[in-house]
């Protein structure tokens, strides 16, 4: 039997197979693995940036509070007894709590309302993210801030009237 068509008969014509429209399971698993790896890297970088930003915020807050306390002491011949006194009198707008939610610590020179003395150290300190960082003792010598060790992620950050800022991150 011969086929009258020049292109061949339907029974003998080779039909193309339809192409697959989806992804294979292996391709999907590889894509999910790559996205997971990139997300893990980005999350780690985000956490590190957030930690550094919190330390920077605490450093700025302690410096601002200490400078405001010095100005207040100069104006009233006595240090303020709390950060609230500085806020109430318009010297600064630093909250009572650090970026980690812990209360800022103040030196005894500040909390006692002492007369400012250029030889006496006054400081404002955050004990860090876990509240375990070291602040100078309440009756510490003026040089107690100098040489503060870097104590890792739980380190303190603060500002001293004599020695400037320190950080433990």
N, C-alpha and C. Protein backbone atom coordinates (compact mmCIF):
# COMPACT_ATOMS: atom_id res chain seq x y z
N UNK A 1 0.84 -1.16 0.00
CA UNK A 1 0.00 0.00 0.00
C UNK A 1 0.89 1.22 0.00
N UNK A 2 0.62 2.13 -0.86
CA UNK A 2 1.41 3.34 -0.98
C UNK A 2 0.65 4.51 -0.40
N UNK A 3 1.41 5.46 0.01
CA UNK A 3 0.82 6.64 0.66
C UNK A 3 0.71 7.74 -0.39
N UNK A 4 -0.46 8.32 -0.57
CA UNK A 4 -0.63 9.35 -1.58
C UNK A 4 -0.07 10.72 -1.17
N UNK A 5 0.30 10.89 0.05
CA UNK A 5 0.77 12.21 0.53
C UNK A 5 2.28 12.34 0.36
N UNK A 6 2.72 13.52 -0.02
CA UNK A 6 4.15 13.73 -0.21
C UNK A 6 4.92 13.80 1.11
N UNK A 7 4.24 14.10 2.20
CA UNK A 7 4.90 14.20 3.50
C UNK A 7 4.86 12.89 4.26
N UNK A 8 4.32 11.89 3.75
CA UNK A 8 4.26 10.60 4.41
C UNK A 8 2.91 10.35 5.03
N UNK A 9 2.69 9.14 5.34
CA UNK A 9 1.41 8.75 5.91
C UNK A 9 1.44 8.93 7.42
N UNK A 10 0.27 9.14 8.01
CA UNK A 10 0.23 9.34 9.45
C UNK A 10 0.76 8.16 10.24
N UNK A 11 0.61 6.99 9.77
CA UNK A 11 1.08 5.83 10.51
C UNK A 11 2.59 5.72 10.52
N UNK A 12 3.24 6.25 9.54
CA UNK A 12 4.69 6.13 9.45
C UNK A 12 5.42 7.40 9.90
N UNK A 13 4.70 8.49 10.10
CA UNK A 13 5.33 9.74 10.50
C UNK A 13 5.81 9.65 11.95
N UNK A 14 7.00 10.14 12.23
CA UNK A 14 7.55 10.17 13.60
C UNK A 14 7.08 11.45 14.26
N UNK A 15 6.40 11.29 15.36
CA UNK A 15 5.87 12.47 16.08
C UNK A 15 6.85 12.85 17.19
N UNK A 16 7.12 14.16 17.35
CA UNK A 16 8.01 14.59 18.44
C UNK A 16 7.35 14.37 19.79
N UNK A 17 8.17 14.00 20.80
CA UNK A 17 7.66 13.80 22.15
C UNK A 17 7.47 15.18 22.80
N UNK A 18 6.40 15.35 23.58
CA UNK A 18 6.22 16.64 24.26
C UNK A 18 7.33 16.85 25.31
N UNK A 19 7.85 18.09 25.40
CA UNK A 19 8.94 18.38 26.35
C UNK A 19 8.36 18.51 27.76
N UNK A 20 9.21 18.25 28.74
CA UNK A 20 8.81 18.34 30.15
C UNK A 20 8.64 19.81 30.52
N UNK A 21 7.56 20.15 31.21
CA UNK A 21 7.28 21.55 31.55
C UNK A 21 7.74 21.92 32.96
N UNK A 22 8.16 20.97 33.83
CA UNK A 22 8.51 21.27 35.21
C UNK A 22 9.98 21.02 35.51
N UNK A 23 10.32 21.19 36.80
CA UNK A 23 11.67 20.92 37.26
C UNK A 23 11.71 19.52 37.87
N UNK A 24 12.88 18.96 37.87
CA UNK A 24 13.03 17.66 38.52
C UNK A 24 13.21 17.88 40.01
N UNK A 25 13.04 16.86 40.78
CA UNK A 25 13.20 16.94 42.23
C UNK A 25 14.62 17.34 42.60
N UNK A 26 15.60 16.80 41.90
CA UNK A 26 17.00 17.15 42.17
C UNK A 26 17.25 18.63 41.93
N UNK A 27 16.72 19.19 40.85
CA UNK A 27 16.91 20.61 40.56
C UNK A 27 16.28 21.47 41.66
N UNK A 28 15.12 21.09 42.13
CA UNK A 28 14.47 21.85 43.21
C UNK A 28 15.26 21.76 44.51
N UNK A 29 15.78 20.59 44.84
CA UNK A 29 16.58 20.44 46.06
C UNK A 29 17.86 21.26 46.00
N UNK A 30 18.49 21.29 44.86
CA UNK A 30 19.72 22.10 44.71
C UNK A 30 19.40 23.58 44.88
N UNK A 31 18.30 24.05 44.29
CA UNK A 31 17.92 25.46 44.43
C UNK A 31 17.62 25.81 45.88
N UNK A 32 16.90 24.93 46.59
CA UNK A 32 16.60 25.18 48.00
C UNK A 32 17.88 25.18 48.83
N UNK A 33 18.82 24.29 48.54
CA UNK A 33 20.08 24.25 49.28
C UNK A 33 20.89 25.53 49.08
N UNK A 34 20.95 26.01 47.86
CA UNK A 34 21.69 27.25 47.58
C UNK A 34 21.05 28.44 48.31
N UNK A 35 19.74 28.53 48.27
CA UNK A 35 19.04 29.63 48.96
C UNK A 35 19.26 29.54 50.47
N UNK A 36 19.25 28.33 51.01
CA UNK A 36 19.49 28.14 52.45
C UNK A 36 20.88 28.59 52.85
N UNK A 37 21.87 28.25 52.07
CA UNK A 37 23.25 28.66 52.36
C UNK A 37 23.37 30.18 52.32
N UNK A 38 22.81 30.81 51.32
CA UNK A 38 22.86 32.27 51.22
C UNK A 38 22.12 32.94 52.39
N UNK A 39 21.00 32.37 52.80
CA UNK A 39 20.26 32.92 53.94
C UNK A 39 21.05 32.79 55.23
N UNK A 40 21.75 31.68 55.42
CA UNK A 40 22.57 31.49 56.62
C UNK A 40 23.70 32.51 56.67
N UNK A 41 24.32 32.76 55.55
CA UNK A 41 25.41 33.75 55.49
C UNK A 41 24.85 35.14 55.78
N UNK A 42 23.72 35.49 55.18
CA UNK A 42 23.13 36.82 55.38
C UNK A 42 22.70 37.00 56.83
N UNK A 43 22.13 35.98 57.45
CA UNK A 43 21.68 36.08 58.84
C UNK A 43 22.86 36.31 59.78
N UNK A 44 23.96 35.60 59.55
CA UNK A 44 25.16 35.80 60.36
C UNK A 44 25.70 37.21 60.25
N UNK A 45 25.70 37.74 59.04
CA UNK A 45 26.18 39.10 58.83
C UNK A 45 25.22 40.11 59.48
N UNK A 46 23.92 39.84 59.42
CA UNK A 46 22.94 40.71 60.05
C UNK A 46 23.13 40.74 61.57
N UNK A 47 23.34 39.58 62.18
CA UNK A 47 23.54 39.52 63.63
C UNK A 47 24.79 40.29 64.05
N UNK A 48 25.86 40.15 63.27
CA UNK A 48 27.10 40.87 63.58
C UNK A 48 26.90 42.38 63.46
N UNK A 49 26.22 42.80 62.41
CA UNK A 49 25.95 44.23 62.23
C UNK A 49 25.06 44.77 63.35
N UNK A 50 24.07 43.99 63.75
CA UNK A 50 23.18 44.41 64.84
C UNK A 50 23.94 44.54 66.16
N UNK A 51 24.84 43.59 66.44
CA UNK A 51 25.65 43.64 67.67
C UNK A 51 26.52 44.89 67.68
N UNK A 52 27.18 45.16 66.56
CA UNK A 52 28.03 46.35 66.48
C UNK A 52 27.22 47.63 66.59
N UNK A 53 26.03 47.65 65.99
CA UNK A 53 25.17 48.83 66.08
C UNK A 53 24.71 49.07 67.51
N UNK A 54 24.38 48.01 68.24
CA UNK A 54 23.98 48.17 69.64
C UNK A 54 25.12 48.70 70.49
N UNK A 55 26.34 48.20 70.27
CA UNK A 55 27.49 48.73 71.00
C UNK A 55 27.74 50.19 70.65
N UNK A 56 27.60 50.53 69.37
CA UNK A 56 27.79 51.93 68.97
C UNK A 56 26.74 52.83 69.62
N UNK A 57 25.48 52.36 69.64
CA UNK A 57 24.40 53.13 70.27
C UNK A 57 24.69 53.34 71.76
N UNK A 58 25.09 52.26 72.45
CA UNK A 58 25.39 52.37 73.88
C UNK A 58 26.58 53.31 74.10
N UNK A 59 27.58 53.23 73.24
CA UNK A 59 28.74 54.13 73.36
C UNK A 59 28.35 55.59 73.20
N UNK A 60 27.51 55.87 72.22
CA UNK A 60 27.05 57.24 72.00
C UNK A 60 26.19 57.71 73.18
N UNK A 61 25.29 56.84 73.65
CA UNK A 61 24.43 57.21 74.77
C UNK A 61 25.24 57.52 76.04
N UNK A 62 26.24 56.67 76.34
CA UNK A 62 27.03 56.91 77.56
C UNK A 62 27.86 58.18 77.44
N UNK A 63 28.40 58.43 76.25
CA UNK A 63 29.17 59.66 76.06
C UNK A 63 28.26 60.89 76.18
N UNK A 64 27.10 60.83 75.54
CA UNK A 64 26.15 61.95 75.61
C UNK A 64 25.72 62.21 77.06
N UNK A 65 25.42 61.13 77.79
CA UNK A 65 25.00 61.28 79.19
C UNK A 65 26.11 61.87 80.05
N UNK A 66 27.34 61.40 79.85
CA UNK A 66 28.45 61.91 80.66
C UNK A 66 28.73 63.37 80.34
N UNK A 67 28.71 63.73 79.06
CA UNK A 67 28.93 65.13 78.70
C UNK A 67 27.81 66.02 79.26
N UNK A 68 26.57 65.53 79.23
CA UNK A 68 25.46 66.29 79.79
C UNK A 68 25.62 66.43 81.30
N UNK A 69 26.09 65.37 81.96
CA UNK A 69 26.32 65.42 83.41
C UNK A 69 27.40 66.45 83.76
N UNK A 70 28.43 66.53 82.94
CA UNK A 70 29.49 67.52 83.17
C UNK A 70 28.94 68.94 83.00
N UNK A 71 28.15 69.16 81.97
CA UNK A 71 27.53 70.49 81.77
C UNK A 71 26.59 70.82 82.93
N UNK A 72 25.79 69.86 83.35
CA UNK A 72 24.88 70.05 84.48
C UNK A 72 25.68 70.38 85.74
N UNK A 73 26.75 69.63 85.97
CA UNK A 73 27.59 69.89 87.14
C UNK A 73 28.21 71.27 87.11
N UNK A 74 28.57 71.73 85.93
CA UNK A 74 29.12 73.07 85.79
C UNK A 74 28.06 74.13 86.07
N UNK A 75 26.84 73.89 85.62
CA UNK A 75 25.76 74.86 85.81
C UNK A 75 25.24 74.89 87.25
N UNK A 76 25.15 73.74 87.92
CA UNK A 76 24.52 73.66 89.24
C UNK A 76 25.50 73.35 90.37
N UNK A 77 26.78 73.21 90.06
CA UNK A 77 27.83 72.89 91.03
C UNK A 77 27.55 71.59 91.78
N UNK A 78 26.88 70.68 91.11
CA UNK A 78 26.62 69.33 91.65
C UNK A 78 26.24 68.44 90.48
N UNK A 79 26.72 67.21 90.52
CA UNK A 79 26.34 66.26 89.47
C UNK A 79 24.86 65.88 89.61
N UNK A 80 24.23 65.51 88.49
CA UNK A 80 22.84 65.04 88.59
C UNK A 80 22.82 63.66 89.25
N UNK A 81 21.75 63.37 89.94
CA UNK A 81 21.65 62.08 90.63
C UNK A 81 21.13 60.95 89.74
N UNK A 82 20.61 61.29 88.56
CA UNK A 82 20.08 60.26 87.66
C UNK A 82 20.02 60.82 86.23
N UNK A 83 19.80 59.92 85.29
CA UNK A 83 19.62 60.35 83.90
C UNK A 83 18.30 61.10 83.73
N UNK A 84 17.32 60.76 84.57
CA UNK A 84 16.03 61.45 84.51
C UNK A 84 16.18 62.94 84.80
N UNK A 85 17.07 63.31 85.72
CA UNK A 85 17.31 64.72 86.04
C UNK A 85 17.83 65.44 84.80
N UNK A 86 18.72 64.79 84.06
CA UNK A 86 19.27 65.41 82.85
C UNK A 86 18.19 65.57 81.78
N UNK A 87 17.33 64.57 81.64
CA UNK A 87 16.24 64.67 80.66
C UNK A 87 15.24 65.76 81.06
N UNK A 88 14.89 65.80 82.32
CA UNK A 88 13.91 66.77 82.81
C UNK A 88 14.40 68.20 82.60
N UNK A 89 15.70 68.42 82.78
CA UNK A 89 16.26 69.77 82.65
C UNK A 89 16.72 70.09 81.23
N UNK A 90 16.43 69.20 80.27
CA UNK A 90 16.72 69.47 78.87
C UNK A 90 18.17 69.34 78.45
N UNK A 91 18.96 68.60 79.20
CA UNK A 91 20.37 68.44 78.85
C UNK A 91 20.61 67.35 77.81
N UNK A 92 19.74 66.36 77.76
CA UNK A 92 19.89 65.27 76.81
C UNK A 92 18.62 64.44 76.79
N UNK A 93 18.59 63.47 75.87
CA UNK A 93 17.40 62.62 75.75
C UNK A 93 17.81 61.15 75.72
N UNK A 94 18.73 60.75 76.57
CA UNK A 94 19.17 59.35 76.65
C UNK A 94 18.23 58.60 77.58
N UNK A 95 17.73 57.43 77.14
CA UNK A 95 16.83 56.65 78.01
C UNK A 95 17.58 56.03 79.19
N UNK A 96 16.83 55.51 80.16
CA UNK A 96 17.45 54.85 81.32
C UNK A 96 18.03 53.49 80.97
N UNK A 97 17.56 52.90 79.87
CA UNK A 97 17.98 51.54 79.50
C UNK A 97 18.84 51.56 78.25
N UNK A 98 19.82 50.66 78.24
CA UNK A 98 20.71 50.52 77.09
C UNK A 98 20.01 49.77 75.95
N UNK A 99 20.65 49.61 74.79
CA UNK A 99 20.00 48.92 73.67
C UNK A 99 19.58 47.48 73.95
N UNK A 100 20.12 46.86 74.99
CA UNK A 100 19.79 45.48 75.34
C UNK A 100 18.71 45.42 76.42
N UNK A 101 18.24 46.57 76.89
CA UNK A 101 17.18 46.60 77.89
C UNK A 101 17.67 46.64 79.33
N UNK A 102 18.98 46.73 79.55
CA UNK A 102 19.54 46.81 80.90
C UNK A 102 19.65 48.28 81.31
N UNK A 103 19.51 48.55 82.59
CA UNK A 103 19.63 49.92 83.09
C UNK A 103 21.09 50.37 83.05
N UNK A 104 21.31 51.61 82.55
CA UNK A 104 22.66 52.18 82.58
C UNK A 104 23.11 52.34 84.02
N UNK A 105 24.37 52.05 84.29
CA UNK A 105 24.94 52.25 85.62
C UNK A 105 25.65 53.59 85.65
N UNK A 106 25.57 54.26 86.80
CA UNK A 106 26.21 55.55 86.99
C UNK A 106 27.20 55.45 88.14
N UNK A 107 28.28 56.19 88.06
CA UNK A 107 29.27 56.18 89.14
C UNK A 107 28.68 56.81 90.40
N UNK A 108 29.31 56.51 91.52
CA UNK A 108 28.83 57.07 92.79
C UNK A 108 28.96 58.59 92.81
N UNK A 109 29.92 59.14 92.06
CA UNK A 109 30.05 60.59 91.99
C UNK A 109 28.78 61.21 91.40
N UNK A 110 28.18 60.53 90.45
CA UNK A 110 26.95 61.04 89.85
C UNK A 110 25.75 60.80 90.77
N UNK A 111 25.57 59.57 91.23
CA UNK A 111 24.37 59.25 92.01
C UNK A 111 24.34 59.96 93.36
N UNK A 112 25.49 60.38 93.87
CA UNK A 112 25.51 61.07 95.16
C UNK A 112 25.29 62.58 95.00
N UNK A 113 25.32 63.07 93.76
CA UNK A 113 25.16 64.51 93.55
C UNK A 113 26.38 65.27 94.01
N UNK A 114 27.55 64.65 93.89
CA UNK A 114 28.80 65.28 94.36
C UNK A 114 29.12 66.55 93.58
N UNK A 115 29.93 67.38 94.20
CA UNK A 115 30.44 68.57 93.53
C UNK A 115 31.47 68.11 92.50
N UNK A 116 31.38 68.57 91.25
CA UNK A 116 32.33 68.12 90.23
C UNK A 116 33.77 68.42 90.62
N UNK A 117 34.61 67.44 90.46
CA UNK A 117 36.03 67.55 90.79
C UNK A 117 36.81 67.02 89.58
N UNK A 118 37.65 67.84 88.96
CA UNK A 118 38.38 67.40 87.78
C UNK A 118 39.29 66.19 88.03
N UNK A 119 39.64 65.93 89.29
CA UNK A 119 40.50 64.79 89.61
C UNK A 119 39.71 63.51 89.90
N UNK A 120 38.41 63.64 90.06
CA UNK A 120 37.58 62.48 90.40
C UNK A 120 36.92 61.95 89.13
N UNK A 121 36.97 60.63 88.97
CA UNK A 121 36.36 60.00 87.81
C UNK A 121 34.85 59.85 88.01
N UNK A 122 34.12 60.23 87.00
CA UNK A 122 32.67 59.99 86.95
C UNK A 122 32.43 59.25 85.64
N UNK A 123 31.49 58.32 85.63
CA UNK A 123 31.27 57.52 84.43
C UNK A 123 29.82 57.07 84.32
N UNK A 124 29.45 56.74 83.09
CA UNK A 124 28.17 56.11 82.78
C UNK A 124 28.52 54.84 82.03
N UNK A 125 27.86 53.72 82.38
CA UNK A 125 28.27 52.42 81.85
C UNK A 125 27.07 51.54 81.52
N UNK A 126 27.19 50.79 80.43
CA UNK A 126 26.27 49.71 80.10
C UNK A 126 27.04 48.42 80.32
N UNK A 127 26.41 47.44 80.94
CA UNK A 127 27.09 46.18 81.21
C UNK A 127 27.01 45.20 80.04
N UNK A 128 26.59 45.67 78.88
CA UNK A 128 26.59 44.84 77.69
C UNK A 128 25.32 44.03 77.51
N UNK A 129 25.30 43.20 76.45
CA UNK A 129 24.07 42.50 76.07
C UNK A 129 23.56 41.52 77.11
N UNK A 130 24.42 40.91 77.87
CA UNK A 130 23.99 39.93 78.88
C UNK A 130 24.00 40.50 80.29
N UNK A 131 24.38 41.76 80.42
CA UNK A 131 24.43 42.39 81.74
C UNK A 131 25.58 41.88 82.59
N UNK A 132 26.56 41.21 81.98
CA UNK A 132 27.67 40.65 82.74
C UNK A 132 28.98 41.39 82.56
N UNK A 133 29.00 42.45 81.75
CA UNK A 133 30.23 43.21 81.55
C UNK A 133 30.60 43.98 82.80
N UNK A 134 31.86 44.33 82.92
CA UNK A 134 32.37 44.99 84.11
C UNK A 134 32.36 46.50 83.95
N UNK A 135 31.76 47.19 84.92
CA UNK A 135 31.84 48.64 85.02
C UNK A 135 32.80 48.93 86.16
N UNK A 136 33.41 50.11 86.17
CA UNK A 136 34.30 50.44 87.29
C UNK A 136 33.54 50.36 88.61
N UNK A 137 34.23 49.99 89.69
CA UNK A 137 33.59 49.93 91.01
C UNK A 137 33.10 51.30 91.43
N UNK A 138 32.15 51.34 92.32
CA UNK A 138 31.57 52.62 92.71
C UNK A 138 32.58 53.54 93.37
N UNK A 139 33.58 52.98 94.02
CA UNK A 139 34.63 53.81 94.63
C UNK A 139 35.97 53.55 93.95
N UNK A 140 35.94 53.20 92.68
CA UNK A 140 37.16 52.84 91.96
C UNK A 140 38.08 54.04 91.80
N UNK A 141 39.34 53.73 91.73
CA UNK A 141 40.33 54.78 91.47
C UNK A 141 40.10 55.31 90.05
N UNK A 142 40.59 56.48 89.81
CA UNK A 142 40.36 57.13 88.52
C UNK A 142 40.93 56.31 87.36
N UNK A 143 41.98 55.54 87.59
CA UNK A 143 42.59 54.80 86.49
C UNK A 143 41.94 53.43 86.28
N UNK A 144 40.82 53.14 86.94
CA UNK A 144 40.21 51.82 86.82
C UNK A 144 39.64 51.57 85.43
N UNK A 145 39.30 52.61 84.70
CA UNK A 145 38.73 52.43 83.37
C UNK A 145 39.82 52.09 82.36
N UNK A 146 40.97 52.68 82.53
CA UNK A 146 42.06 52.45 81.58
C UNK A 146 42.43 50.97 81.60
N UNK A 147 42.59 50.41 80.42
CA UNK A 147 43.00 49.02 80.31
C UNK A 147 41.88 48.02 80.50
N UNK A 148 40.62 48.44 80.39
CA UNK A 148 39.52 47.49 80.48
C UNK A 148 39.72 46.39 79.45
N UNK A 149 39.60 45.14 79.83
CA UNK A 149 39.79 44.06 78.86
C UNK A 149 38.62 43.97 77.89
N UNK A 150 38.91 43.48 76.71
CA UNK A 150 37.83 43.17 75.76
C UNK A 150 37.25 41.84 76.21
N UNK A 151 36.02 41.86 76.64
CA UNK A 151 35.44 40.68 77.27
C UNK A 151 34.43 39.97 76.39
N UNK A 152 34.56 40.08 75.09
CA UNK A 152 33.67 39.36 74.18
C UNK A 152 32.29 39.98 74.10
N UNK A 153 31.31 39.16 73.73
CA UNK A 153 29.98 39.69 73.46
C UNK A 153 29.25 40.15 74.71
N UNK A 154 29.77 39.85 75.88
CA UNK A 154 29.11 40.33 77.10
C UNK A 154 29.87 41.49 77.72
N UNK A 155 30.77 42.11 76.97
CA UNK A 155 31.59 43.19 77.49
C UNK A 155 30.82 44.47 77.73
N UNK A 156 31.38 45.30 78.60
CA UNK A 156 30.73 46.57 78.93
C UNK A 156 31.14 47.64 77.93
N UNK A 157 30.40 48.72 77.94
CA UNK A 157 30.70 49.90 77.14
C UNK A 157 30.32 51.10 77.99
N UNK A 158 31.14 52.14 77.94
CA UNK A 158 30.83 53.29 78.77
C UNK A 158 31.69 54.48 78.44
N UNK A 159 31.53 55.52 79.26
CA UNK A 159 32.30 56.75 79.06
C UNK A 159 32.69 57.31 80.41
N UNK A 160 33.97 57.64 80.52
CA UNK A 160 34.55 58.16 81.75
C UNK A 160 34.89 59.63 81.57
N UNK A 161 34.70 60.42 82.63
CA UNK A 161 35.04 61.84 82.55
C UNK A 161 36.54 62.06 82.44
N UNK A 162 37.34 61.12 82.92
CA UNK A 162 38.79 61.27 82.85
C UNK A 162 39.44 60.57 81.66
N UNK A 163 38.91 59.41 81.28
CA UNK A 163 39.60 58.60 80.28
C UNK A 163 38.86 58.42 78.97
N UNK A 164 37.67 58.94 78.86
CA UNK A 164 36.93 58.80 77.62
C UNK A 164 36.20 57.47 77.56
N UNK A 165 35.96 57.00 76.34
CA UNK A 165 35.15 55.81 76.16
C UNK A 165 35.93 54.52 76.21
N UNK A 166 35.21 53.43 76.53
CA UNK A 166 35.76 52.09 76.45
C UNK A 166 34.67 51.17 75.94
N UNK A 167 35.06 50.07 75.38
CA UNK A 167 34.10 49.08 74.93
C UNK A 167 34.69 47.70 75.06
N UNK A 168 33.84 46.72 75.32
CA UNK A 168 34.30 45.35 75.49
C UNK A 168 33.90 44.45 74.35
N UNK A 169 33.45 44.98 73.25
CA UNK A 169 33.02 44.09 72.17
C UNK A 169 34.19 43.67 71.36
